[in-house]
Amino acid sequence: FRAWYDAFAPGEAQVITLRRGSALVGVVPLTSRRGVVRAASNWHTPEF
């Protein structure tokens, strides 16, 4: 995703993380533009 955001991100990068205590237990990389939230994926992405 570091490479994907640098090359393709069409809007603001938004990496949402979920923690319990200090432990990271979830993450979802997205983009946001004009009220639409999208997966950080495109035709170069095998699966999101």
All heavy atoms as atom14 arrays in JSON, in Angstrom:
{
  "sequence": "FRAWYDAFAPGEAQVITLRRGSALVGVVPLTSRRGVVRAASNWHTPEF",
  "atom14_mask": [
    [1, 1, 1, 1, 1, 1, 1, 1, 1, 1, 1, 0, 0, 0],
    [1, 1, 1, 1, 1, 1, 1, 1, 1, 1, 1, 0, 0, 0],
    [1, 1, 1, 1, 1, 0, 0, 0, 0, 0, 0, 0, 0, 0],
    [1, 1, 1, 1, 1, 1, 1, 1, 1, 1, 1, 1, 1, 1],
    [1, 1, 1, 1, 1, 1, 1, 1, 1, 1, 1, 1, 0, 0],
    [1, 1, 1, 1, 1, 1, 1, 1, 0, 0, 0, 0, 0, 0],
    [1, 1, 1, 1, 1, 0, 0, 0, 0, 0, 0, 0, 0, 0],
    [1, 1, 1, 1, 1, 1, 1, 1, 1, 1, 1, 0, 0, 0],
    [1, 1, 1, 1, 1, 0, 0, 0, 0, 0, 0, 0, 0, 0],
    [1, 1, 1, 1, 1, 1, 1, 0, 0, 0, 0, 0, 0, 0],
    [1, 1, 1, 1, 0, 0, 0, 0, 0, 0, 0, 0, 0, 0],
    [1, 1, 1, 1, 1, 1, 1, 1, 1, 0, 0, 0, 0, 0],
    [1, 1, 1, 1, 1, 0, 0, 0, 0, 0, 0, 0, 0, 0],
    [1, 1, 1, 1, 1, 1, 1, 1, 1, 0, 0, 0, 0, 0],
    [1, 1, 1, 1, 1, 1, 1, 0, 0, 0, 0, 0, 0, 0],
    [1, 1, 1, 1, 1, 1, 1, 1, 0, 0, 0, 0, 0, 0],
    [1, 1, 1, 1, 1, 1, 1, 0, 0, 0, 0, 0, 0, 0],
    [1, 1, 1, 1, 1, 1, 1, 1, 0, 0, 0, 0, 0, 0],
    [1, 1, 1, 1, 1, 1, 1, 1, 1, 1, 1, 0, 0, 0],
    [1, 1, 1, 1, 1, 1, 1, 1, 1, 1, 1, 0, 0, 0],
    [1, 1, 1, 1, 0, 0, 0, 0, 0, 0, 0, 0, 0, 0],
    [1, 1, 1, 1, 1, 1, 0, 0, 0, 0, 0, 0, 0, 0],
    [1, 1, 1, 1, 1, 0, 0, 0, 0, 0, 0, 0, 0, 0],
    [1, 1, 1, 1, 1, 1, 1, 1, 0, 0, 0, 0, 0, 0],
    [1, 1, 1, 1, 1, 1, 1, 0, 0, 0, 0, 0, 0, 0],
    [1, 1, 1, 1, 0, 0, 0, 0, 0, 0, 0, 0, 0, 0],
    [1, 1, 1, 1, 1, 1, 1, 0, 0, 0, 0, 0, 0, 0],
    [1, 1, 1, 1, 1, 1, 1, 0, 0, 0, 0, 0, 0, 0],
    [1, 1, 1, 1, 1, 1, 1, 0, 0, 0, 0, 0, 0, 0],
    [1, 1, 1, 1, 1, 1, 1, 1, 0, 0, 0, 0, 0, 0],
    [1, 1, 1, 1, 1, 1, 1, 0, 0, 0, 0, 0, 0, 0],
    [1, 1, 1, 1, 1, 1, 0, 0, 0, 0, 0, 0, 0, 0],
    [1, 1, 1, 1, 1, 1, 1, 1, 1, 1, 1, 0, 0, 0],
    [1, 1, 1, 1, 1, 1, 1, 1, 1, 1, 1, 0, 0, 0],
    [1, 1, 1, 1, 0, 0, 0, 0, 0, 0, 0, 0, 0, 0],
    [1, 1, 1, 1, 1, 1, 1, 0, 0, 0, 0, 0, 0, 0],
    [1, 1, 1, 1, 1, 1, 1, 0, 0, 0, 0, 0, 0, 0],
    [1, 1, 1, 1, 1, 1, 1, 1, 1, 1, 1, 0, 0, 0],
    [1, 1, 1, 1, 1, 0, 0, 0, 0, 0, 0, 0, 0, 0],
    [1, 1, 1, 1, 1, 0, 0, 0, 0, 0, 0, 0, 0, 0],
    [1, 1, 1, 1, 1, 1, 0, 0, 0, 0, 0, 0, 0, 0],
    [1, 1, 1, 1, 1, 1, 1, 1, 0, 0, 0, 0, 0, 0],
    [1, 1, 1, 1, 1, 1, 1, 1, 1, 1, 1, 1, 1, 1],
    [1, 1, 1, 1, 1, 1, 1, 1, 1, 1, 0, 0, 0, 0],
    [1, 1, 1, 1, 1, 1, 1, 0, 0, 0, 0, 0, 0, 0],
    [1, 1, 1, 1, 1, 1, 1, 0, 0, 0, 0, 0, 0, 0],
    [1, 1, 1, 1, 1, 1, 1, 1, 1, 0, 0, 0, 0, 0],
    [1, 1, 1, 1, 1, 1, 1, 1, 1, 1, 1, 0, 0, 0]
  ],
  "atom14_positions": [
    [[0.81, -1.21, 0.0], [0.0, 0.0, 0.0], [0.85, 1.27, 0.0], [0.41, 2.3, -0.53], [-0.97, -0.02, 1.18], [-2.1, -0.98, 0.97], [-2.13, -2.2, 1.63], [-3.11, -0.68, 0.08], [-3.15, -3.09, 1.42], [-4.15, -1.57, -0.15], [-4.17, -2.78, 0.53], [0.0, 0.0, 0.0], [0.0, 0.0, 0.0], [0.0, 0.0, 0.0]],
    [[2.03, 1.19, 0.54], [2.92, 2.36, 0.44], [3.18, 2.67, -1.03], [3.09, 3.82, -1.47], [4.24, 2.09, 1.17], [5.18, 3.28, 1.21], [6.52, 2.92, 1.83], [6.39, 2.63, 3.25], [6.56, 1.42, 3.79], [6.84, 0.38, 3.01], [6.45, 1.23, 5.08], [0.0, 0.0, 0.0], [0.0, 0.0, 0.0], [0.0, 0.0, 0.0]],
    [[3.47, 1.64, -1.81], [3.7, 1.83, -3.24], [2.41, 2.22, -3.96], [2.43, 3.08, -4.86], [4.28, 0.54, -3.86], [0.0, 0.0, 0.0], [0.0, 0.0, 0.0], [0.0, 0.0, 0.0], [0.0, 0.0, 0.0], [0.0, 0.0, 0.0], [0.0, 0.0, 0.0], [0.0, 0.0, 0.0], [0.0, 0.0, 0.0], [0.0, 0.0, 0.0]],
    [[1.29, 1.63, -3.56], [0.02, 1.91, -4.25], [-0.41, 3.37, -4.01], [-0.79, 4.06, -4.96], [-1.06, 0.95, -3.75], [-2.31, 1.03, -4.56], [-2.64, 0.26, -5.64], [-3.4, 1.96, -4.39], [-3.85, 0.65, -6.16], [-4.34, 1.69, -5.42], [-3.66, 2.98, -3.49], [-5.53, 2.41, -5.55], [-4.85, 3.71, -3.62], [-5.77, 3.42, -4.63]],
    [[-0.37, 3.82, -2.78], [-0.75, 5.21, -2.49], [0.13, 6.19, -3.26], [-0.34, 7.19, -3.81], [-0.65, 5.49, -1.0], [-1.83, 5.04, -0.17], [-1.65, 4.19, 0.91], [-3.12, 5.48, -0.44], [-2.72, 3.77, 1.69], [-4.2, 5.09, 0.33], [-3.99, 4.23, 1.4], [-5.06, 3.83, 2.16], [0.0, 0.0, 0.0], [0.0, 0.0, 0.0]],
    [[1.43, 5.9, -3.3], [2.35, 6.8, -3.98], [2.05, 6.9, -5.48], [2.16, 7.97, -6.09], [3.79, 6.32, -3.77], [4.8, 7.2, -4.48], [4.84, 8.41, -4.21], [5.55, 6.67, -5.33], [0.0, 0.0, 0.0], [0.0, 0.0, 0.0], [0.0, 0.0, 0.0], [0.0, 0.0, 0.0], [0.0, 0.0, 0.0], [0.0, 0.0, 0.0]],
    [[1.62, 5.77, -6.07], [1.42, 5.74, -7.52], [0.01, 6.1, -7.95], [-0.18, 6.77, -8.96], [1.77, 4.34, -8.05], [0.0, 0.0, 0.0], [0.0, 0.0, 0.0], [0.0, 0.0, 0.0], [0.0, 0.0, 0.0], [0.0, 0.0, 0.0], [0.0, 0.0, 0.0], [0.0, 0.0, 0.0], [0.0, 0.0, 0.0], [0.0, 0.0, 0.0]],
    [[-1.0, 5.67, -7.19], [-2.35, 5.67, -7.72], [-3.41, 6.42, -6.92], [-4.52, 6.61, -7.43], [-2.85, 4.22, -7.88], [-1.99, 3.36, -8.75], [-1.53, 2.13, -8.28], [-1.66, 3.76, -10.03], [-0.76, 1.32, -9.08], [-0.88, 2.94, -10.84], [-0.43, 1.72, -10.37], [0.0, 0.0, 0.0], [0.0, 0.0, 0.0], [0.0, 0.0, 0.0]],
    [[-3.15, 6.79, -5.68], [-4.22, 7.3, -4.82], [-4.94, 8.47, -5.47], [-4.33, 9.51, -5.74], [-3.65, 7.71, -3.46], [0.0, 0.0, 0.0], [0.0, 0.0, 0.0], [0.0, 0.0, 0.0], [0.0, 0.0, 0.0], [0.0, 0.0, 0.0], [0.0, 0.0, 0.0], [0.0, 0.0, 0.0], [0.0, 0.0, 0.0], [0.0, 0.0, 0.0]],
    [[-6.26, 8.35, -5.73], [-7.0, 9.42, -6.38], [-7.5, 10.5, -5.42], [-7.98, 11.54, -5.85], [-8.2, 8.67, -6.99], [-8.43, 7.56, -6.02], [-7.07, 7.15, -5.51], [0.0, 0.0, 0.0], [0.0, 0.0, 0.0], [0.0, 0.0, 0.0], [0.0, 0.0, 0.0], [0.0, 0.0, 0.0], [0.0, 0.0, 0.0], [0.0, 0.0, 0.0]],
    [[-7.44, 10.24, -4.13], [-7.93, 11.2, -3.14], [-7.08, 11.12, -1.89], [-5.93, 10.69, -1.92], [0.0, 0.0, 0.0], [0.0, 0.0, 0.0], [0.0, 0.0, 0.0], [0.0, 0.0, 0.0], [0.0, 0.0, 0.0], [0.0, 0.0, 0.0], [0.0, 0.0, 0.0], [0.0, 0.0, 0.0], [0.0, 0.0, 0.0], [0.0, 0.0, 0.0]],
    [[-7.64, 11.52, -0.79], [-6.92, 11.51, 0.48], [-6.76, 10.08, 0.99], [-7.71, 9.31, 1.04], [-7.71, 12.32, 1.51], [-7.08, 12.35, 2.89], [-7.98, 13.0, 3.92], [-8.99, 13.61, 3.53], [-7.66, 12.88, 5.12], [0.0, 0.0, 0.0], [0.0, 0.0, 0.0], [0.0, 0.0, 0.0], [0.0, 0.0, 0.0], [0.0, 0.0, 0.0]],
    [[-5.53, 9.71, 1.35], [-5.29, 8.4, 1.95], [-5.9, 8.37, 3.35], [-5.77, 9.32, 4.12], [-3.79, 8.12, 2.03], [0.0, 0.0, 0.0], [0.0, 0.0, 0.0], [0.0, 0.0, 0.0], [0.0, 0.0, 0.0], [0.0, 0.0, 0.0], [0.0, 0.0, 0.0], [0.0, 0.0, 0.0], [0.0, 0.0, 0.0], [0.0, 0.0, 0.0]],
    [[-6.56, 7.27, 3.66], [-7.16, 7.08, 4.98], [-6.91, 5.65, 5.42], [-7.55, 4.72, 4.92], [-8.66, 7.37, 4.95], [-9.0, 8.82, 4.67], [-10.48, 9.11, 4.87], [-11.32, 8.22, 4.88], [-10.81, 10.38, 5.03], [0.0, 0.0, 0.0], [0.0, 0.0, 0.0], [0.0, 0.0, 0.0], [0.0, 0.0, 0.0], [0.0, 0.0, 0.0]],
    [[-5.97, 5.48, 6.32], [-5.68, 4.17, 6.88], [-6.37, 4.11, 8.24], [-5.95, 4.76, 9.2], [-4.17, 3.93, 7.01], [-3.9, 2.56, 7.63], [-3.49, 4.05, 5.65], [0.0, 0.0, 0.0], [0.0, 0.0, 0.0], [0.0, 0.0, 0.0], [0.0, 0.0, 0.0], [0.0, 0.0, 0.0], [0.0, 0.0, 0.0], [0.0, 0.0, 0.0]],
    [[-7.45, 3.34, 8.31], [-8.19, 3.2, 9.57], [-7.61, 2.02, 10.34], [-7.45, 0.92, 9.8], [-9.69, 2.96, 9.31], [-10.3, 4.18, 8.61], [-10.42, 2.67, 10.6], [-11.76, 4.0, 8.24], [0.0, 0.0, 0.0], [0.0, 0.0, 0.0], [0.0, 0.0, 0.0], [0.0, 0.0, 0.0], [0.0, 0.0, 0.0], [0.0, 0.0, 0.0]],
    [[-7.27, 2.26, 11.6], [-6.72, 1.2, 12.45], [-7.61, 1.0, 13.67], [-8.27, 1.93, 14.14], [-5.29, 1.52, 12.9], [-5.29, 2.75, 13.66], [-4.35, 1.65, 11.72], [0.0, 0.0, 0.0], [0.0, 0.0, 0.0], [0.0, 0.0, 0.0], [0.0, 0.0, 0.0], [0.0, 0.0, 0.0], [0.0, 0.0, 0.0], [0.0, 0.0, 0.0]],
    [[-7.58, -0.21, 14.15], [-8.32, -0.59, 15.35], [-7.34, -1.16, 16.36], [-6.56, -2.07, 16.04], [-9.39, -1.64, 14.99], [-10.11, -2.32, 16.15], [-11.0, -1.33, 16.9], [-10.96, -3.49, 15.63], [0.0, 0.0, 0.0], [0.0, 0.0, 0.0], [0.0, 0.0, 0.0], [0.0, 0.0, 0.0], [0.0, 0.0, 0.0], [0.0, 0.0, 0.0]],
    [[-7.37, -0.61, 17.56], [-6.5, -1.1, 18.63], [-7.33, -1.57, 19.8], [-8.4, -1.01, 20.1], [-5.55, -0.02, 19.12], [-4.5, 0.38, 18.11], [-3.53, 1.42, 18.69], [-2.56, 1.82, 17.68], [-1.44, 1.15, 17.42], [-1.14, 0.06, 18.13], [-0.62, 1.57, 16.47], [0.0, 0.0, 0.0], [0.0, 0.0, 0.0], [0.0, 0.0, 0.0]],
    [[-6.83, -2.56, 20.5], [-7.33, -2.95, 21.8], [-6.17, -2.83, 22.77], [-5.18, -3.57, 22.64], [-7.88, -4.38, 21.77], [-9.18, -4.47, 20.99], [-9.73, -5.87, 20.96], [-10.96, -5.92, 20.17], [-11.43, -7.0, 19.6], [-10.76, -8.15, 19.71], [-12.55, -6.97, 18.91], [0.0, 0.0, 0.0], [0.0, 0.0, 0.0], [0.0, 0.0, 0.0]],
    [[-6.29, -1.89, 23.67], [-5.13, -1.54, 24.47], [-4.08, -0.95, 23.54], [-4.37, -0.08, 22.72], [0.0, 0.0, 0.0], [0.0, 0.0, 0.0], [0.0, 0.0, 0.0], [0.0, 0.0, 0.0], [0.0, 0.0, 0.0], [0.0, 0.0, 0.0], [0.0, 0.0, 0.0], [0.0, 0.0, 0.0], [0.0, 0.0, 0.0], [0.0, 0.0, 0.0]],
    [[-2.86, -1.45, 23.62], [-1.8, -0.96, 22.75], [-1.64, -1.81, 21.5], [-0.84, -1.48, 20.61], [-0.47, -0.94, 23.51], [-0.12, -2.25, 23.93], [0.0, 0.0, 0.0], [0.0, 0.0, 0.0], [0.0, 0.0, 0.0], [0.0, 0.0, 0.0], [0.0, 0.0, 0.0], [0.0, 0.0, 0.0], [0.0, 0.0, 0.0], [0.0, 0.0, 0.0]],
    [[-2.39, -2.91, 21.39], [-2.2, -3.86, 20.3], [-3.03, -3.48, 19.07], [-4.23, -3.21, 19.18], [-2.58, -5.27, 20.75], [0.0, 0.0, 0.0], [0.0, 0.0, 0.0], [0.0, 0.0, 0.0], [0.0, 0.0, 0.0], [0.0, 0.0, 0.0], [0.0, 0.0, 0.0], [0.0, 0.0, 0.0], [0.0, 0.0, 0.0], [0.0, 0.0, 0.0]],
    [[-2.39, -3.48, 17.9], [-3.09, -3.28, 16.64], [-3.78, -4.59, 16.27], [-3.12, -5.63, 16.1], [-2.11, -2.88, 15.54], [-2.72, -2.58, 14.17], [-3.5, -1.27, 14.21], [-1.63, -2.53, 13.09], [0.0, 0.0, 0.0], [0.0, 0.0, 0.0], [0.0, 0.0, 0.0], [0.0, 0.0, 0.0], [0.0, 0.0, 0.0], [0.0, 0.0, 0.0]],
    [[-5.11, -4.54, 16.12], [-5.86, -5.76, 15.82], [-6.63, -5.67, 14.5], [-7.26, -6.64, 14.07], [-6.84, -6.12, 16.96], [-6.08, -6.44, 18.24], [-7.86, -5.0, 17.19], [0.0, 0.0, 0.0], [0.0, 0.0, 0.0], [0.0, 0.0, 0.0], [0.0, 0.0, 0.0], [0.0, 0.0, 0.0], [0.0, 0.0, 0.0], [0.0, 0.0, 0.0]],
    [[-6.58, -4.49, 13.84], [-7.27, -4.37, 12.57], [-6.8, -3.15, 11.8], [-6.44, -2.13, 12.4], [0.0, 0.0, 0.0], [0.0, 0.0, 0.0], [0.0, 0.0, 0.0], [0.0, 0.0, 0.0], [0.0, 0.0, 0.0], [0.0, 0.0, 0.0], [0.0, 0.0, 0.0], [0.0, 0.0, 0.0], [0.0, 0.0, 0.0], [0.0, 0.0, 0.0]],
    [[-6.79, -3.24, 10.47], [-6.4, -2.12, 9.63], [-7.11, -2.25, 8.29], [-7.26, -3.35, 7.75], [-4.87, -2.04, 9.45], [-4.32, -3.3, 8.78], [-4.46, -0.81, 8.65], [0.0, 0.0, 0.0], [0.0, 0.0, 0.0], [0.0, 0.0, 0.0], [0.0, 0.0, 0.0], [0.0, 0.0, 0.0], [0.0, 0.0, 0.0], [0.0, 0.0, 0.0]],
    [[-7.57, -1.11, 7.75], [-8.17, -1.1, 6.42], [-7.71, 0.17, 5.7], [-7.94, 1.28, 6.18], [-9.71, -1.21, 6.47], [-10.33, -0.14, 7.35], [-10.3, -1.16, 5.08], [0.0, 0.0, 0.0], [0.0, 0.0, 0.0], [0.0, 0.0, 0.0], [0.0, 0.0, 0.0], [0.0, 0.0, 0.0], [0.0, 0.0, 0.0], [0.0, 0.0, 0.0]],
    [[-7.01, 0.03, 4.56], [-6.51, 1.18, 3.81], [-7.53, 1.64, 2.78], [-8.0, 0.86, 1.94], [-5.25, 0.63, 3.14], [-5.51, -0.83, 2.99], [-6.46, -1.24, 4.06], [0.0, 0.0, 0.0], [0.0, 0.0, 0.0], [0.0, 0.0, 0.0], [0.0, 0.0, 0.0], [0.0, 0.0, 0.0], [0.0, 0.0, 0.0], [0.0, 0.0, 0.0]],
    [[-7.88, 2.92, 2.82], [-8.94, 3.48, 1.98], [-8.48, 4.77, 1.33], [-7.4, 5.3, 1.65], [-10.18, 3.76, 2.84], [-10.75, 2.61, 3.67], [-11.76, 3.13, 4.68], [-11.39, 1.57, 2.75], [0.0, 0.0, 0.0], [0.0, 0.0, 0.0], [0.0, 0.0, 0.0], [0.0, 0.0, 0.0], [0.0, 0.0, 0.0], [0.0, 0.0, 0.0]],
    [[-9.31, 5.28, 0.45], [-9.18, 6.67, -0.03], [-10.53, 7.33, 0.15], [-11.58, 6.66, 0.2], [-8.76, 6.74, -1.5], [-9.81, 6.24, -2.33], [-7.47, 5.97, -1.74], [0.0, 0.0, 0.0], [0.0, 0.0, 0.0], [0.0, 0.0, 0.0], [0.0, 0.0, 0.0], [0.0, 0.0, 0.0], [0.0, 0.0, 0.0], [0.0, 0.0, 0.0]],
    [[-10.53, 8.63, 0.24], [-11.77, 9.38, 0.43], [-11.77, 10.6, -0.46], [-10.77, 11.34, -0.53], [-11.92, 9.8, 1.89], [-13.09, 10.57, 2.07], [0.0, 0.0, 0.0], [0.0, 0.0, 0.0], [0.0, 0.0, 0.0], [0.0, 0.0, 0.0], [0.0, 0.0, 0.0], [0.0, 0.0, 0.0], [0.0, 0.0, 0.0], [0.0, 0.0, 0.0]],
    [[-12.9, 10.82, -1.15], [-13.02, 11.98, -2.01], [-14.5, 12.3, -2.21], [-15.27, 11.44, -2.61], [-12.35, 11.72, -3.36], [-12.27, 12.95, -4.25], [-11.6, 12.59, -5.56], [-11.44, 13.75, -6.41], [-11.0, 13.71, -7.67], [-10.67, 12.55, -8.2], [-10.89, 14.81, -8.38], [0.0, 0.0, 0.0], [0.0, 0.0, 0.0], [0.0, 0.0, 0.0]],
    [[-14.88, 13.54, -1.89], [-16.22, 14.03, -2.12], [-17.3, 13.11, -1.53], [-18.31, 12.82, -2.15], [-16.47, 14.23, -3.62], [-15.57, 15.28, -4.24], [-15.84, 15.43, -5.72], [-14.95, 16.44, -6.31], [-14.9, 16.71, -7.61], [-15.68, 16.04, -8.46], [-14.07, 17.64, -8.06], [0.0, 0.0, 0.0], [0.0, 0.0, 0.0], [0.0, 0.0, 0.0]],
    [[-17.05, 12.66, -0.32], [-18.05, 11.87, 0.38], [-18.12, 10.42, -0.05], [-19.04, 9.7, 0.37], [0.0, 0.0, 0.0], [0.0, 0.0, 0.0], [0.0, 0.0, 0.0], [0.0, 0.0, 0.0], [0.0, 0.0, 0.0], [0.0, 0.0, 0.0], [0.0, 0.0, 0.0], [0.0, 0.0, 0.0], [0.0, 0.0, 0.0], [0.0, 0.0, 0.0]],
    [[-17.18, 9.97, -0.87], [-17.13, 8.57, -1.29], [-15.86, 7.93, -0.72], [-14.76, 8.45, -0.91], [-17.12, 8.44, -2.83], [-17.02, 6.97, -3.25], [-18.38, 9.08, -3.42], [0.0, 0.0, 0.0], [0.0, 0.0, 0.0], [0.0, 0.0, 0.0], [0.0, 0.0, 0.0], [0.0, 0.0, 0.0], [0.0, 0.0, 0.0], [0.0, 0.0, 0.0]],
    [[-16.04, 6.83, 0.0], [-14.92, 6.09, 0.57], [-14.69, 4.86, -0.3], [-15.62, 4.09, -0.56], [-15.2, 5.69, 2.03], [-14.18, 4.67, 2.51], [-15.18, 6.93, 2.92], [0.0, 0.0, 0.0], [0.0, 0.0, 0.0], [0.0, 0.0, 0.0], [0.0, 0.0, 0.0], [0.0, 0.0, 0.0], [0.0, 0.0, 0.0], [0.0, 0.0, 0.0]],
    [[-13.46, 4.69, -0.74], [-13.11, 3.56, -1.62], [-11.97, 2.75, -1.02], [-11.13, 3.28, -0.3], [-12.68, 4.06, -3.0], [-13.75, 4.73, -3.82], [-13.19, 5.13, -5.18], [-14.21, 5.63, -6.09], [-14.62, 6.89, -6.15], [-14.07, 7.79, -5.33], [-15.56, 7.25, -6.99], [0.0, 0.0, 0.0], [0.0, 0.0, 0.0], [0.0, 0.0, 0.0]],
    [[-11.95, 1.48, -1.36], [-10.79, 0.65, -1.05], [-9.58, 1.21, -1.79], [-9.7, 1.73, -2.9], [-11.04, -0.79, -1.48], [0.0, 0.0, 0.0], [0.0, 0.0, 0.0], [0.0, 0.0, 0.0], [0.0, 0.0, 0.0], [0.0, 0.0, 0.0], [0.0, 0.0, 0.0], [0.0, 0.0, 0.0], [0.0, 0.0, 0.0], [0.0, 0.0, 0.0]],
    [[-8.43, 1.1, -1.19], [-7.18, 1.48, -1.86], [-6.8, 0.36, -2.81], [-5.89, -0.45, -2.57], [-6.08, 1.73, -0.83], [0.0, 0.0, 0.0], [0.0, 0.0, 0.0], [0.0, 0.0, 0.0], [0.0, 0.0, 0.0], [0.0, 0.0, 0.0], [0.0, 0.0, 0.0], [0.0, 0.0, 0.0], [0.0, 0.0, 0.0], [0.0, 0.0, 0.0]],
    [[-7.53, 0.3, -3.93], [-7.33, -0.78, -4.9], [-7.72, -0.28, -6.28], [-8.48, 0.68, -6.43], [-8.18, -2.01, -4.52], [-9.56, -1.69, -4.54], [0.0, 0.0, 0.0], [0.0, 0.0, 0.0], [0.0, 0.0, 0.0], [0.0, 0.0, 0.0], [0.0, 0.0, 0.0], [0.0, 0.0, 0.0], [0.0, 0.0, 0.0], [0.0, 0.0, 0.0]],
    [[-7.18, -0.96, -7.3], [-7.52, -0.68, -8.69], [-7.21, -1.92, -9.52], [-7.03, -3.02, -8.96], [-6.8, 0.57, -9.21], [-5.29, 0.44, -9.21], [-4.73, -0.62, -8.87], [-4.6, 1.5, -9.57], [0.0, 0.0, 0.0], [0.0, 0.0, 0.0], [0.0, 0.0, 0.0], [0.0, 0.0, 0.0], [0.0, 0.0, 0.0], [0.0, 0.0, 0.0]],
    [[-7.11, -1.78, -10.84], [-6.91, -2.95, -11.69], [-5.53, -3.57, -11.52], [-5.26, -4.64, -12.08], [-7.16, -2.57, -13.15], [-8.6, -2.27, -13.4], [-9.21, -1.04, -13.44], [-9.65, -3.22, -13.61], [-10.56, -1.17, -13.66], [-10.87, -2.5, -13.77], [-9.7, -4.62, -13.68], [-12.1, -3.12, -14.0], [-10.93, -5.24, -13.91], [-12.1, -4.49, -14.07]],
    [[-4.65, -2.96, -10.77], [-3.36, -3.56, -10.44], [-3.42, -4.33, -9.13], [-2.4, -4.85, -8.67], [-2.28, -2.48, -10.37], [-2.07, -1.77, -11.67], [-1.38, -2.31, -12.72], [-2.5, -0.55, -12.09], [-1.38, -1.45, -13.74], [-2.05, -0.38, -13.38], [0.0, 0.0, 0.0], [0.0, 0.0, 0.0], [0.0, 0.0, 0.0], [0.0, 0.0, 0.0]],
    [[-4.6, -4.41, -8.52], [-4.79, -5.08, -7.24], [-5.42, -6.45, -7.45], [-6.54, -6.54, -7.95], [-5.71, -4.24, -6.33], [-5.19, -2.92, -6.19], [-5.88, -4.89, -4.97], [0.0, 0.0, 0.0], [0.0, 0.0, 0.0], [0.0, 0.0, 0.0], [0.0, 0.0, 0.0], [0.0, 0.0, 0.0], [0.0, 0.0, 0.0], [0.0, 0.0, 0.0]],
    [[-4.74, -7.53, -7.09], [-5.34, -8.85, -7.27], [-6.58, -9.08, -6.4], [-7.54, -9.71, -6.83], [-4.22, -9.81, -6.86], [-2.96, -9.02, -7.05], [-3.33, -7.61, -6.69], [0.0, 0.0, 0.0], [0.0, 0.0, 0.0], [0.0, 0.0, 0.0], [0.0, 0.0, 0.0], [0.0, 0.0, 0.0], [0.0, 0.0, 0.0], [0.0, 0.0, 0.0]],
    [[-6.54, -8.58, -5.17], [-7.68, -8.73, -4.26], [-7.52, -7.74, -3.12], [-6.4, -7.46, -2.69], [-7.73, -10.15, -3.67], [-8.9, -10.38, -2.73], [-8.74, -11.6, -1.83], [-7.69, -12.29, -1.95], [-9.63, -11.85, -1.02], [0.0, 0.0, 0.0], [0.0, 0.0, 0.0], [0.0, 0.0, 0.0], [0.0, 0.0, 0.0], [0.0, 0.0, 0.0]],
    [[-8.63, -7.2, -2.66], [-8.61, -6.29, -1.51], [-9.32, -6.96, -0.35], [-10.35, -7.61, -0.53], [-9.31, -4.97, -1.84], [-9.31, -3.99, -0.71], [-8.22, -3.16, -0.49], [-10.39, -3.92, 0.17], [-8.2, -2.27, 0.56], [-10.38, -3.03, 1.22], [-9.28, -2.2, 1.43], [0.0, 0.0, 0.0], [0.0, 0.0, 0.0], [0.0, 0.0, 0.0]]
  ]
}
